[in-house]
């Protein structure tokens, strides 16, 4: 489902990724481990189409560089290591995950998808709270909910359990396991 070949990326003249090669099949869970500054987050940003890279990233046999941003947002869900919060509610944040599926206004299907994800992560009670009012763990759960509402084929998670207490780490890992059963690739 994902093939990375000869991937290179540099910040200026310093290459943090140099000739990276691997393949991830449907339903596989892959963890990328390494010291701080090794390029793990950079790799995920390249795979999400956020950073321009050299080499090849293929999703479902198609070169990522040839796929429109709109289509990428239907295929790839990405949760960054850290997020900038906006003055919107959790519900509105999760609804932005549905944006690839509506043009002007969300449909009842989009609204239902948001409620379903909020319920499955146990954060429905946070729906109308501002992101500014959330703890670090609650914010992380809201970002995960946004990505899940997107219903992507590939989910790229950069430190998905950071800021979560033990109970919510277990919940997120359980949710990830359920997603793998559905065949979504997680990195």
N, C-alpha and C. Protein backbone atom coordinates (compact mmCIF):
# COMPACT_ATOMS: atom_id res chain seq x y z
N UNK A 1 0.81 -1.20 0.00
CA UNK A 1 0.00 0.00 0.00
C UNK A 1 0.86 1.26 0.00
N UNK A 2 1.96 1.28 0.77
CA UNK A 2 2.88 2.42 0.76
C UNK A 2 4.27 1.90 0.41
N UNK A 3 4.89 2.53 -0.58
CA UNK A 3 6.26 2.18 -0.94
C UNK A 3 7.07 3.46 -0.94
N UNK A 4 8.14 3.46 -0.18
CA UNK A 4 9.06 4.60 -0.13
C UNK A 4 10.37 4.11 -0.74
N UNK A 5 10.86 4.84 -1.74
CA UNK A 5 12.09 4.42 -2.43
C UNK A 5 13.00 5.62 -2.68
N UNK A 6 14.23 5.51 -2.21
CA UNK A 6 15.23 6.55 -2.46
C UNK A 6 14.85 7.91 -1.91
N UNK A 7 14.09 7.93 -0.83
CA UNK A 7 13.60 9.20 -0.26
C UNK A 7 14.75 9.98 0.36
N UNK A 8 14.82 11.26 -0.02
CA UNK A 8 15.83 12.17 0.53
C UNK A 8 15.15 13.48 0.87
N UNK A 9 15.59 14.06 1.98
CA UNK A 9 15.09 15.38 2.35
C UNK A 9 16.18 16.10 3.12
N UNK A 10 16.33 17.39 2.81
CA UNK A 10 17.34 18.18 3.53
C UNK A 10 16.75 19.48 4.03
N UNK A 11 17.28 19.91 5.15
CA UNK A 11 17.04 21.26 5.64
C UNK A 11 18.29 22.02 5.26
N UNK A 12 18.19 22.82 4.19
CA UNK A 12 19.38 23.48 3.66
C UNK A 12 20.29 22.44 3.04
N UNK A 13 21.55 22.42 3.45
CA UNK A 13 22.50 21.45 2.89
C UNK A 13 22.62 20.20 3.75
N UNK A 14 21.89 20.15 4.86
CA UNK A 14 21.97 19.00 5.78
C UNK A 14 20.84 18.00 5.49
N UNK A 15 21.21 16.83 4.97
CA UNK A 15 20.21 15.79 4.70
C UNK A 15 19.86 15.06 5.99
N UNK A 16 18.59 15.10 6.35
CA UNK A 16 18.12 14.35 7.52
C UNK A 16 17.56 13.00 7.09
N UNK A 17 17.15 12.91 5.83
CA UNK A 17 16.71 11.64 5.25
C UNK A 17 17.54 11.42 3.99
N UNK A 18 18.17 10.27 3.90
CA UNK A 18 19.04 10.01 2.77
C UNK A 18 18.88 8.56 2.32
N UNK A 19 18.26 8.36 1.19
CA UNK A 19 18.04 7.03 0.60
C UNK A 19 17.24 6.12 1.52
N UNK A 20 16.08 6.60 1.95
CA UNK A 20 15.18 5.81 2.80
C UNK A 20 14.32 4.93 1.90
N UNK A 21 14.25 3.64 2.24
CA UNK A 21 13.50 2.66 1.45
C UNK A 21 12.73 1.73 2.38
N UNK A 22 11.44 1.56 2.14
CA UNK A 22 10.65 0.56 2.86
C UNK A 22 9.29 0.42 2.22
N UNK A 23 8.58 -0.63 2.63
CA UNK A 23 7.23 -0.87 2.13
C UNK A 23 6.34 -1.24 3.31
N UNK A 24 5.13 -0.73 3.28
CA UNK A 24 4.14 -1.06 4.31
C UNK A 24 2.91 -1.60 3.59
N UNK A 25 2.50 -2.80 3.98
CA UNK A 25 1.33 -3.42 3.36
C UNK A 25 0.07 -3.07 4.13
N UNK A 26 -1.05 -3.23 3.47
CA UNK A 26 -2.36 -2.98 4.08
C UNK A 26 -2.50 -3.77 5.38
N UNK A 27 -2.94 -3.07 6.43
CA UNK A 27 -3.17 -3.72 7.71
C UNK A 27 -1.95 -3.84 8.59
N UNK A 28 -0.80 -3.37 8.11
CA UNK A 28 0.41 -3.42 8.93
C UNK A 28 0.50 -2.20 9.84
N UNK A 29 1.08 -2.41 10.98
CA UNK A 29 1.37 -1.33 11.92
C UNK A 29 2.88 -1.20 11.99
N UNK A 30 3.38 -0.02 11.71
CA UNK A 30 4.82 0.21 11.69
C UNK A 30 5.16 1.32 12.67
N UNK A 31 6.16 1.06 13.49
CA UNK A 31 6.67 2.08 14.41
C UNK A 31 8.02 2.53 13.90
N UNK A 32 8.25 3.82 13.92
CA UNK A 32 9.54 4.37 13.52
C UNK A 32 10.21 4.87 14.79
N UNK A 33 11.34 4.27 15.10
CA UNK A 33 12.06 4.60 16.32
C UNK A 33 13.39 5.25 15.99
N UNK A 34 13.84 6.13 16.86
CA UNK A 34 15.13 6.76 16.68
C UNK A 34 15.29 7.90 17.65
N UNK A 35 16.52 8.40 17.78
CA UNK A 35 16.76 9.50 18.71
C UNK A 35 16.13 10.80 18.22
N UNK A 36 16.03 11.76 19.12
CA UNK A 36 15.53 13.09 18.75
C UNK A 36 16.36 13.64 17.60
N UNK A 37 15.69 14.26 16.65
CA UNK A 37 16.40 14.87 15.53
C UNK A 37 16.82 13.90 14.44
N UNK A 38 16.40 12.63 14.53
CA UNK A 38 16.81 11.63 13.54
C UNK A 38 16.04 11.74 12.23
N UNK A 39 14.91 12.46 12.23
CA UNK A 39 14.14 12.63 11.00
C UNK A 39 12.82 11.88 10.97
N UNK A 40 12.39 11.36 12.10
CA UNK A 40 11.12 10.60 12.14
C UNK A 40 9.94 11.47 11.75
N UNK A 41 9.82 12.63 12.36
CA UNK A 41 8.71 13.54 12.03
C UNK A 41 8.83 14.05 10.60
N UNK A 42 10.04 14.31 10.15
CA UNK A 42 10.27 14.76 8.78
C UNK A 42 9.82 13.69 7.80
N UNK A 43 10.12 12.43 8.09
CA UNK A 43 9.68 11.33 7.24
C UNK A 43 8.16 11.30 7.12
N UNK A 44 7.47 11.42 8.25
CA UNK A 44 6.01 11.41 8.22
C UNK A 44 5.45 12.59 7.43
N UNK A 45 6.07 13.76 7.58
CA UNK A 45 5.62 14.94 6.82
C UNK A 45 5.83 14.75 5.32
N UNK A 46 6.92 14.09 4.94
CA UNK A 46 7.13 13.77 3.52
C UNK A 46 6.05 12.81 3.04
N UNK A 47 5.77 11.78 3.84
CA UNK A 47 4.77 10.77 3.47
C UNK A 47 3.36 11.34 3.43
N UNK A 48 3.13 12.42 4.17
CA UNK A 48 1.81 13.07 4.18
C UNK A 48 1.68 14.11 3.06
N UNK A 49 2.77 14.34 2.33
CA UNK A 49 2.73 15.31 1.24
C UNK A 49 2.89 16.74 1.71
N UNK A 50 3.35 16.93 2.94
CA UNK A 50 3.51 18.27 3.50
C UNK A 50 4.84 18.88 3.07
N UNK A 51 5.90 18.07 3.07
CA UNK A 51 7.22 18.54 2.67
C UNK A 51 7.56 18.01 1.28
N UNK A 52 8.25 18.82 0.50
CA UNK A 52 8.71 18.40 -0.83
C UNK A 52 10.01 17.62 -0.65
N UNK A 53 10.05 16.45 -1.23
CA UNK A 53 11.16 15.52 -1.04
C UNK A 53 11.71 15.08 -2.38
N UNK A 54 12.86 14.44 -2.33
CA UNK A 54 13.42 13.79 -3.51
C UNK A 54 13.14 12.29 -3.36
N UNK A 55 13.00 11.59 -4.46
CA UNK A 55 12.72 10.16 -4.41
C UNK A 55 11.26 9.89 -4.66
N UNK A 56 10.81 8.75 -4.17
CA UNK A 56 9.45 8.31 -4.48
C UNK A 56 8.70 7.86 -3.23
N UNK A 57 7.46 8.34 -3.12
CA UNK A 57 6.51 7.83 -2.12
C UNK A 57 5.28 7.43 -2.92
N UNK A 58 4.96 6.15 -2.88
CA UNK A 58 3.80 5.64 -3.62
C UNK A 58 2.75 5.16 -2.63
N UNK A 59 1.52 5.61 -2.84
CA UNK A 59 0.38 5.20 -2.03
C UNK A 59 -0.58 4.47 -2.96
N UNK A 60 -0.88 3.24 -2.63
CA UNK A 60 -1.77 2.42 -3.46
C UNK A 60 -1.31 2.42 -4.92
N UNK A 61 0.01 2.35 -5.11
CA UNK A 61 0.58 2.28 -6.45
C UNK A 61 0.72 3.60 -7.17
N UNK A 62 0.27 4.68 -6.56
CA UNK A 62 0.32 6.00 -7.20
C UNK A 62 1.37 6.88 -6.53
N UNK A 63 2.11 7.60 -7.35
CA UNK A 63 3.13 8.51 -6.84
C UNK A 63 2.45 9.67 -6.11
N UNK A 64 2.84 9.89 -4.86
CA UNK A 64 2.24 10.92 -4.03
C UNK A 64 2.33 12.30 -4.68
N UNK A 65 3.44 12.59 -5.34
CA UNK A 65 3.63 13.89 -5.98
C UNK A 65 2.61 14.16 -7.08
N UNK A 66 2.02 13.10 -7.62
CA UNK A 66 1.06 13.23 -8.72
C UNK A 66 -0.39 13.29 -8.25
N UNK A 67 -0.61 13.19 -6.96
CA UNK A 67 -1.97 13.19 -6.40
C UNK A 67 -2.29 14.59 -5.89
N UNK A 68 -3.47 15.08 -6.20
CA UNK A 68 -3.86 16.43 -5.76
C UNK A 68 -3.96 16.49 -4.24
N UNK A 69 -3.78 17.68 -3.70
CA UNK A 69 -3.88 17.88 -2.24
C UNK A 69 -5.25 17.43 -1.73
N UNK A 70 -6.30 17.72 -2.50
CA UNK A 70 -7.65 17.33 -2.10
C UNK A 70 -7.77 15.81 -1.98
N UNK A 71 -7.23 15.10 -2.98
CA UNK A 71 -7.31 13.64 -2.94
C UNK A 71 -6.42 13.08 -1.83
N UNK A 72 -5.25 13.69 -1.63
CA UNK A 72 -4.38 13.24 -0.53
C UNK A 72 -5.12 13.33 0.79
N UNK A 73 -5.90 14.39 0.97
CA UNK A 73 -6.61 14.56 2.24
C UNK A 73 -7.71 13.51 2.44
N UNK A 74 -8.11 12.83 1.38
CA UNK A 74 -9.06 11.72 1.52
C UNK A 74 -8.34 10.41 1.80
N UNK A 75 -7.08 10.33 1.39
CA UNK A 75 -6.33 9.08 1.50
C UNK A 75 -5.52 9.03 2.79
N UNK A 76 -4.90 10.15 3.15
CA UNK A 76 -3.95 10.17 4.27
C UNK A 76 -4.47 11.04 5.40
N UNK A 77 -4.52 10.46 6.58
CA UNK A 77 -4.78 11.20 7.80
C UNK A 77 -3.46 11.39 8.52
N UNK A 78 -3.19 12.58 8.99
CA UNK A 78 -1.90 12.88 9.62
C UNK A 78 -2.13 13.61 10.93
N UNK A 79 -1.53 13.10 11.97
CA UNK A 79 -1.58 13.77 13.27
C UNK A 79 -0.15 14.19 13.61
N UNK A 80 0.11 15.49 13.63
CA UNK A 80 1.47 15.96 13.91
C UNK A 80 1.86 15.77 15.37
N UNK A 81 3.14 15.89 15.61
CA UNK A 81 3.69 15.76 16.96
C UNK A 81 3.14 16.85 17.87
N UNK A 82 3.00 18.04 17.35
CA UNK A 82 2.42 19.13 18.13
C UNK A 82 1.49 19.93 17.21
N UNK A 83 0.47 20.51 17.81
CA UNK A 83 -0.51 21.23 17.01
C UNK A 83 -0.66 22.66 17.52
N UNK A 84 -1.02 23.53 16.60
CA UNK A 84 -1.37 24.90 16.98
C UNK A 84 -2.88 24.93 17.15
N UNK A 85 -3.34 25.45 18.25
CA UNK A 85 -4.79 25.46 18.48
C UNK A 85 -5.42 26.73 17.94
N UNK A 86 -6.65 26.57 17.51
CA UNK A 86 -7.45 27.69 17.00
C UNK A 86 -8.60 27.92 17.97
N UNK A 87 -9.21 29.08 17.93
CA UNK A 87 -10.32 29.37 18.85
C UNK A 87 -11.64 28.73 18.37
N UNK A 88 -11.63 27.41 18.24
CA UNK A 88 -12.83 26.67 17.82
C UNK A 88 -13.08 25.53 18.80
N UNK A 89 -14.24 24.91 18.69
CA UNK A 89 -14.60 23.84 19.61
C UNK A 89 -14.03 22.50 19.13
N UNK A 90 -14.10 21.53 20.02
CA UNK A 90 -13.67 20.17 19.68
C UNK A 90 -14.52 19.65 18.52
N UNK A 91 -15.83 19.86 18.59
CA UNK A 91 -16.72 19.40 17.51
C UNK A 91 -16.30 19.99 16.17
N UNK A 92 -16.05 21.30 16.15
CA UNK A 92 -15.65 21.97 14.91
C UNK A 92 -14.31 21.43 14.41
N UNK A 93 -13.41 21.16 15.34
CA UNK A 93 -12.10 20.61 14.98
C UNK A 93 -12.26 19.26 14.31
N UNK A 94 -13.04 18.39 14.93
CA UNK A 94 -13.24 17.05 14.38
C UNK A 94 -13.97 17.14 13.04
N UNK A 95 -14.88 18.07 12.92
CA UNK A 95 -15.60 18.26 11.66
C UNK A 95 -14.64 18.65 10.53
N UNK A 96 -13.56 19.35 10.84
CA UNK A 96 -12.59 19.70 9.79
C UNK A 96 -11.98 18.45 9.17
N UNK A 97 -11.97 17.35 9.92
CA UNK A 97 -11.51 16.08 9.36
C UNK A 97 -12.41 15.58 8.24
N UNK A 98 -13.64 16.04 8.23
CA UNK A 98 -14.60 15.64 7.18
C UNK A 98 -14.54 16.56 5.96
N UNK A 99 -13.78 17.64 6.04
CA UNK A 99 -13.73 18.63 4.95
C UNK A 99 -13.46 18.03 3.57
N UNK A 100 -12.64 17.00 3.43
CA UNK A 100 -12.44 16.43 2.10
C UNK A 100 -13.72 15.89 1.45
N UNK A 101 -14.77 15.72 2.23
CA UNK A 101 -15.99 15.10 1.72
C UNK A 101 -17.13 16.09 1.47
N UNK A 102 -16.96 17.34 1.86
CA UNK A 102 -18.03 18.30 1.57
C UNK A 102 -17.44 19.56 0.97
N UNK A 103 -18.27 20.25 0.15
CA UNK A 103 -17.74 21.44 -0.52
C UNK A 103 -18.14 22.72 0.20
N UNK A 104 -19.42 22.88 0.51
CA UNK A 104 -19.85 24.11 1.15
C UNK A 104 -20.28 23.87 2.58
N UNK A 105 -21.16 22.89 2.77
CA UNK A 105 -21.68 22.59 4.10
C UNK A 105 -21.57 21.10 4.36
N UNK A 106 -21.35 20.74 5.62
CA UNK A 106 -21.30 19.31 5.94
C UNK A 106 -22.69 18.68 5.83
N UNK A 107 -22.71 17.43 5.42
CA UNK A 107 -23.97 16.69 5.32
C UNK A 107 -24.30 16.04 6.66
N UNK A 108 -25.47 15.45 6.73
CA UNK A 108 -25.85 14.72 7.96
C UNK A 108 -24.91 13.54 8.17
N UNK A 109 -24.39 12.96 7.09
CA UNK A 109 -23.41 11.87 7.20
C UNK A 109 -22.13 12.37 7.87
N UNK A 110 -21.70 13.58 7.49
CA UNK A 110 -20.50 14.17 8.09
C UNK A 110 -20.71 14.41 9.59
N UNK A 111 -21.85 14.97 9.94
CA UNK A 111 -22.16 15.25 11.35
C UNK A 111 -22.21 13.94 12.14
N UNK A 112 -22.85 12.92 11.57
CA UNK A 112 -22.94 11.61 12.23
C UNK A 112 -21.56 11.00 12.44
N UNK A 113 -20.69 11.14 11.43
CA UNK A 113 -19.33 10.61 11.54
C UNK A 113 -18.58 11.27 12.70
N UNK A 114 -18.76 12.57 12.86
CA UNK A 114 -18.11 13.30 13.96
C UNK A 114 -18.61 12.78 15.30
N UNK A 115 -19.93 12.68 15.46
CA UNK A 115 -20.47 12.19 16.74
C UNK A 115 -19.99 10.77 17.03
N UNK A 116 -19.95 9.93 16.00
CA UNK A 116 -19.52 8.54 16.17
C UNK A 116 -18.07 8.47 16.69
N UNK A 117 -17.19 9.26 16.09
CA UNK A 117 -15.79 9.25 16.50
C UNK A 117 -15.63 9.83 17.91
N UNK A 118 -16.31 10.93 18.20
CA UNK A 118 -16.24 11.52 19.55
C UNK A 118 -16.69 10.51 20.60
N UNK A 119 -17.77 9.80 20.30
CA UNK A 119 -18.29 8.78 21.22
C UNK A 119 -17.29 7.64 21.38
N UNK A 120 -16.71 7.18 20.28
CA UNK A 120 -15.80 6.03 20.34
C UNK A 120 -14.53 6.33 21.14
N UNK A 121 -14.12 7.59 21.15
CA UNK A 121 -12.94 7.98 21.93
C UNK A 121 -13.31 8.47 23.33
N UNK A 122 -14.60 8.47 23.64
CA UNK A 122 -15.03 8.88 24.97
C UNK A 122 -14.87 10.36 25.25
N UNK A 123 -14.94 11.18 24.21
CA UNK A 123 -14.76 12.63 24.42
C UNK A 123 -15.96 13.44 23.94
N UNK A 124 -17.10 12.80 23.81
CA UNK A 124 -18.31 13.53 23.39
C UNK A 124 -18.61 14.69 24.35
N UNK A 125 -18.31 14.50 25.62
CA UNK A 125 -18.58 15.55 26.62
C UNK A 125 -17.73 16.81 26.38
N UNK A 126 -16.68 16.69 25.58
CA UNK A 126 -15.82 17.85 25.28
C UNK A 126 -16.26 18.59 24.02
N UNK A 127 -17.28 18.11 23.36
CA UNK A 127 -17.68 18.58 22.02
C UNK A 127 -17.72 20.09 21.87
N UNK A 128 -18.29 20.78 22.85
CA UNK A 128 -18.49 22.22 22.68
C UNK A 128 -17.53 23.05 23.54
N UNK A 129 -16.46 22.41 23.97
CA UNK A 129 -15.40 23.16 24.66
C UNK A 129 -14.40 23.67 23.64
N UNK A 130 -13.86 24.84 23.91
CA UNK A 130 -12.83 25.41 23.05
C UNK A 130 -11.55 24.60 23.20
N UNK A 131 -10.78 24.53 22.12
CA UNK A 131 -9.49 23.85 22.19
C UNK A 131 -8.59 24.48 23.24
N UNK A 132 -8.75 25.79 23.46
CA UNK A 132 -7.94 26.49 24.46
C UNK A 132 -8.19 25.99 25.87
N UNK A 133 -9.35 25.39 26.11
CA UNK A 133 -9.74 24.94 27.45
C UNK A 133 -9.31 23.51 27.75
N UNK A 134 -8.70 22.83 26.78
CA UNK A 134 -8.39 21.42 26.94
C UNK A 134 -7.02 21.19 27.57
N UNK A 135 -6.90 20.07 28.26
CA UNK A 135 -5.59 19.64 28.74
C UNK A 135 -4.81 19.11 27.54
N UNK A 136 -3.53 18.86 27.72
CA UNK A 136 -2.71 18.30 26.64
C UNK A 136 -3.25 16.98 26.13
N UNK A 137 -3.68 16.12 27.04
CA UNK A 137 -4.22 14.82 26.66
C UNK A 137 -5.55 14.93 25.94
N UNK A 138 -6.41 15.83 26.41
CA UNK A 138 -7.70 16.04 25.74
C UNK A 138 -7.50 16.59 24.33
N UNK A 139 -6.53 17.49 24.18
CA UNK A 139 -6.23 18.04 22.86
C UNK A 139 -5.73 16.94 21.93
N UNK A 140 -4.88 16.07 22.45
CA UNK A 140 -4.37 14.96 21.64
C UNK A 140 -5.51 14.06 21.17
N UNK A 141 -6.45 13.77 22.07
CA UNK A 141 -7.61 12.95 21.70
C UNK A 141 -8.46 13.65 20.64
N UNK A 142 -8.60 14.97 20.73
CA UNK A 142 -9.36 15.72 19.73
C UNK A 142 -8.68 15.63 18.36
N UNK A 143 -7.35 15.69 18.33
CA UNK A 143 -6.62 15.59 17.07
C UNK A 143 -6.75 14.19 16.47
N UNK A 144 -6.71 13.19 17.33
CA UNK A 144 -6.90 11.81 16.87
C UNK A 144 -8.31 11.65 16.31
N UNK A 145 -9.29 12.23 17.00
CA UNK A 145 -10.68 12.17 16.53
C UNK A 145 -10.81 12.83 15.16
N UNK A 146 -10.15 13.95 14.97
CA UNK A 146 -10.20 14.64 13.67
C UNK A 146 -9.68 13.74 12.56
N UNK A 147 -8.55 13.08 12.82
CA UNK A 147 -7.97 12.19 11.81
C UNK A 147 -8.88 10.98 11.55
N UNK A 148 -9.48 10.44 12.59
CA UNK A 148 -10.36 9.28 12.41
C UNK A 148 -11.64 9.66 11.67
N UNK A 149 -12.15 10.86 11.91
CA UNK A 149 -13.35 11.33 11.21
C UNK A 149 -13.09 11.46 9.71
N UNK A 150 -11.85 11.66 9.37
CA UNK A 150 -11.44 11.79 7.97
C UNK A 150 -11.62 10.47 7.21
N UNK A 151 -11.65 9.35 7.92
CA UNK A 151 -11.77 8.01 7.33
C UNK A 151 -10.71 7.77 6.26
N UNK A 152 -9.43 7.98 6.62
CA UNK A 152 -8.37 7.82 5.63
C UNK A 152 -8.03 6.35 5.39
N UNK A 153 -7.35 6.10 4.28
CA UNK A 153 -6.83 4.76 3.99
C UNK A 153 -5.51 4.55 4.72
N UNK A 154 -4.78 5.65 4.93
CA UNK A 154 -3.48 5.62 5.60
C UNK A 154 -3.53 6.63 6.73
N UNK A 155 -3.06 6.22 7.89
CA UNK A 155 -3.04 7.12 9.05
C UNK A 155 -1.61 7.23 9.54
N UNK A 156 -1.07 8.44 9.52
CA UNK A 156 0.29 8.72 9.98
C UNK A 156 0.20 9.43 11.32
N UNK A 157 0.73 8.81 12.34
CA UNK A 157 0.62 9.32 13.70
C UNK A 157 2.01 9.64 14.24
N UNK A 158 2.25 10.88 14.56
CA UNK A 158 3.54 11.29 15.12
C UNK A 158 3.39 11.41 16.63
N UNK A 159 3.87 10.43 17.35
CA UNK A 159 3.77 10.36 18.81
C UNK A 159 2.32 10.47 19.28
N UNK A 160 1.46 9.54 18.85
CA UNK A 160 0.02 9.66 19.13
C UNK A 160 -0.37 9.56 20.59
N UNK A 161 0.46 8.97 21.42
CA UNK A 161 0.08 8.84 22.84
C UNK A 161 0.77 9.87 23.73
N UNK A 162 1.49 10.82 23.11
CA UNK A 162 2.12 11.85 23.93
C UNK A 162 1.04 12.67 24.62
N UNK A 163 1.30 13.11 25.80
CA UNK A 163 0.38 13.92 26.62
C UNK A 163 -0.82 13.14 27.16
N UNK A 164 -0.91 11.84 26.88
CA UNK A 164 -2.06 11.07 27.36
C UNK A 164 -1.73 10.35 28.65
N UNK A 165 -2.70 10.29 29.55
CA UNK A 165 -2.52 9.48 30.75
C UNK A 165 -2.64 8.01 30.36
N UNK A 166 -2.34 7.12 31.30
CA UNK A 166 -2.30 5.69 31.03
C UNK A 166 -3.63 5.17 30.48
N UNK A 167 -4.74 5.62 31.06
CA UNK A 167 -6.07 5.18 30.62
C UNK A 167 -6.31 5.55 29.16
N UNK A 168 -5.99 6.79 28.80
CA UNK A 168 -6.23 7.24 27.43
C UNK A 168 -5.20 6.68 26.45
N UNK A 169 -3.98 6.37 26.93
CA UNK A 169 -3.02 5.67 26.07
C UNK A 169 -3.59 4.33 25.67
N UNK A 170 -4.15 3.60 26.65
CA UNK A 170 -4.75 2.29 26.38
C UNK A 170 -5.92 2.43 25.41
N UNK A 171 -6.74 3.46 25.60
CA UNK A 171 -7.89 3.69 24.72
C UNK A 171 -7.43 3.95 23.28
N UNK A 172 -6.43 4.81 23.12
CA UNK A 172 -5.94 5.13 21.78
C UNK A 172 -5.31 3.90 21.13
N UNK A 173 -4.53 3.15 21.88
CA UNK A 173 -3.91 1.95 21.32
C UNK A 173 -4.96 0.91 20.94
N UNK A 174 -6.02 0.81 21.73
CA UNK A 174 -7.13 -0.09 21.40
C UNK A 174 -7.80 0.36 20.10
N UNK A 175 -8.01 1.67 19.97
CA UNK A 175 -8.63 2.23 18.76
C UNK A 175 -7.75 1.97 17.55
N UNK A 176 -6.45 2.12 17.71
CA UNK A 176 -5.51 1.85 16.62
C UNK A 176 -5.62 0.39 16.19
N UNK A 177 -5.71 -0.51 17.16
CA UNK A 177 -5.85 -1.94 16.85
C UNK A 177 -7.14 -2.19 16.06
N UNK A 178 -8.23 -1.55 16.44
CA UNK A 178 -9.50 -1.70 15.71
C UNK A 178 -9.37 -1.20 14.27
N UNK A 179 -8.64 -0.12 14.10
CA UNK A 179 -8.45 0.45 12.76
C UNK A 179 -7.63 -0.49 11.90
N UNK A 180 -6.61 -1.11 12.48
CA UNK A 180 -5.78 -2.05 11.73
C UNK A 180 -6.62 -3.21 11.22
N UNK A 181 -7.55 -3.67 12.03
CA UNK A 181 -8.44 -4.76 11.62
C UNK A 181 -9.21 -4.36 10.36
N UNK A 182 -9.54 -3.07 10.24
CA UNK A 182 -10.24 -2.58 9.05
C UNK A 182 -9.30 -2.43 7.85
N UNK A 183 -8.00 -2.60 8.08
CA UNK A 183 -7.04 -2.55 6.98
C UNK A 183 -6.43 -1.21 6.70
N UNK A 184 -6.58 -0.27 7.59
CA UNK A 184 -5.95 1.04 7.41
C UNK A 184 -4.50 0.93 7.86
N UNK A 185 -3.60 1.47 7.08
CA UNK A 185 -2.19 1.44 7.43
C UNK A 185 -1.89 2.55 8.42
N UNK A 186 -1.19 2.21 9.46
CA UNK A 186 -0.79 3.19 10.47
C UNK A 186 0.72 3.24 10.54
N UNK A 187 1.25 4.43 10.62
CA UNK A 187 2.70 4.56 10.72
C UNK A 187 3.02 5.43 11.91
